[in-house]
Amino acid sequence: MKEIYFVIRNSDGDTTVRGVNKENLLQEIEDGDFGENGEHILKFLPSDDTNYWSDGILIIKGQIVVPKAKEVITKFNIE
């Protein structure tokens, strides 16, 4: 399965979530997209509300999952 990094940021009250591969993410960090030395990258989740993150950017490594329905049947029996 391919690694994906989710980049979450807030700008002017609008939250964006982007999925990028490792190579592109590292290039963006080197290009200064996350501050001069990556100083805008959050090391912890300061709040559930991204409006309180200031210039913070959260990076999460993971994968997109979709729940699948599961049929469950309960049967009773009396002897």
Protein backbone atom coordinates (compact mmCIF):
# COMPACT_ATOMS: atom_id res chain seq x y z
CA MET A 1 0.00 0.00 0.00
CA LYS A 2 1.27 3.45 -0.95
CA GLU A 3 2.25 5.88 1.84
CA ILE A 4 0.26 9.09 1.93
CA TYR A 5 0.78 12.13 4.11
CA PHE A 6 -2.17 14.36 4.94
CA VAL A 7 -1.24 18.03 5.27
CA ILE A 8 -3.85 19.95 7.28
CA ARG A 9 -3.69 23.74 7.56
CA ASN A 10 -5.92 26.72 8.25
CA SER A 11 -5.70 30.02 6.43
CA ASP A 12 -8.15 32.85 7.02
CA GLY A 13 -10.68 30.48 8.61
CA ASP A 14 -10.58 27.95 5.77
CA THR A 15 -9.19 24.51 6.58
CA THR A 16 -7.60 22.50 3.80
CA VAL A 17 -6.54 18.86 3.74
CA ARG A 18 -4.20 17.59 1.04
CA GLY A 19 -2.79 14.14 0.48
CA VAL A 20 0.79 14.07 -0.82
CA ASN A 21 3.46 11.45 -1.28
CA LYS A 22 6.68 11.46 0.73
CA GLU A 23 8.86 12.88 -2.03
CA ASN A 24 6.56 15.86 -2.71
CA LEU A 25 6.15 16.55 1.01
CA LEU A 26 9.91 16.60 1.58
CA GLN A 27 10.33 18.92 -1.41
CA GLU A 28 7.69 21.32 -0.04
CA ILE A 29 9.46 21.35 3.34
CA GLU A 30 12.82 22.05 1.67
CA ASP A 31 11.20 24.83 -0.41
CA GLY A 32 10.09 26.56 2.78
CA ASP A 33 6.34 25.95 2.39
CA PHE A 34 6.19 25.10 6.12
CA GLY A 35 8.40 27.94 7.34
CA GLU A 36 12.14 28.54 6.98
CA ASN A 37 13.07 25.43 8.96
CA GLY A 38 9.69 23.71 9.18
CA GLU A 39 8.81 25.77 12.26
CA HIS A 40 5.10 25.82 11.34
CA ILE A 41 4.83 22.02 11.54
CA LEU A 42 2.90 21.09 14.67
CA LYS A 43 4.36 18.53 17.06
CA PHE A 44 1.04 18.02 18.84
CA LEU A 45 -2.63 18.85 18.29
CA PRO A 46 -3.16 22.21 20.07
CA SER A 47 -6.93 22.23 19.56
CA ASP A 48 -9.65 20.35 17.72
CA ASP A 49 -10.53 23.67 16.07
CA THR A 50 -8.01 24.59 13.36
CA ASN A 51 -8.89 28.29 13.81
CA TYR A 52 -6.69 28.19 16.94
CA TRP A 53 -3.66 26.76 15.15
CA SER A 54 -2.32 30.15 14.00
CA ASP A 55 0.20 29.31 11.25
CA GLY A 56 0.43 25.68 12.38
CA ILE A 57 0.40 22.82 9.90
CA LEU A 58 -0.38 19.26 10.94
CA ILE A 59 1.05 16.32 8.99
CA ILE A 60 -0.47 12.88 9.46
CA LYS A 61 0.85 9.72 7.83
CA GLY A 62 -1.89 7.25 6.99
CA GLN A 63 -4.37 5.95 4.53
CA ILE A 64 -7.96 6.67 3.60
CA VAL A 65 -10.34 4.01 4.83
CA VAL A 66 -13.97 3.37 3.99
CA PRO A 67 -16.12 1.37 6.40
CA LYS A 68 -17.90 -1.61 4.90
CA ALA A 69 -21.37 -2.69 5.93
CA LYS A 70 -21.56 -5.93 7.85
CA GLU A 71 -24.80 -7.86 8.08
CA VAL A 72 -25.52 -9.09 11.58
CA ILE A 73 -28.46 -11.37 12.32
CA THR A 74 -29.62 -12.43 15.75
CA LYS A 75 -31.55 -15.68 15.91
CA PHE A 76 -33.26 -17.23 18.89
CA ASN A 77 -33.95 -20.88 19.49
CA ILE A 78 -36.04 -22.57 22.18
CA GLU A 79 -35.99 -26.31 22.73
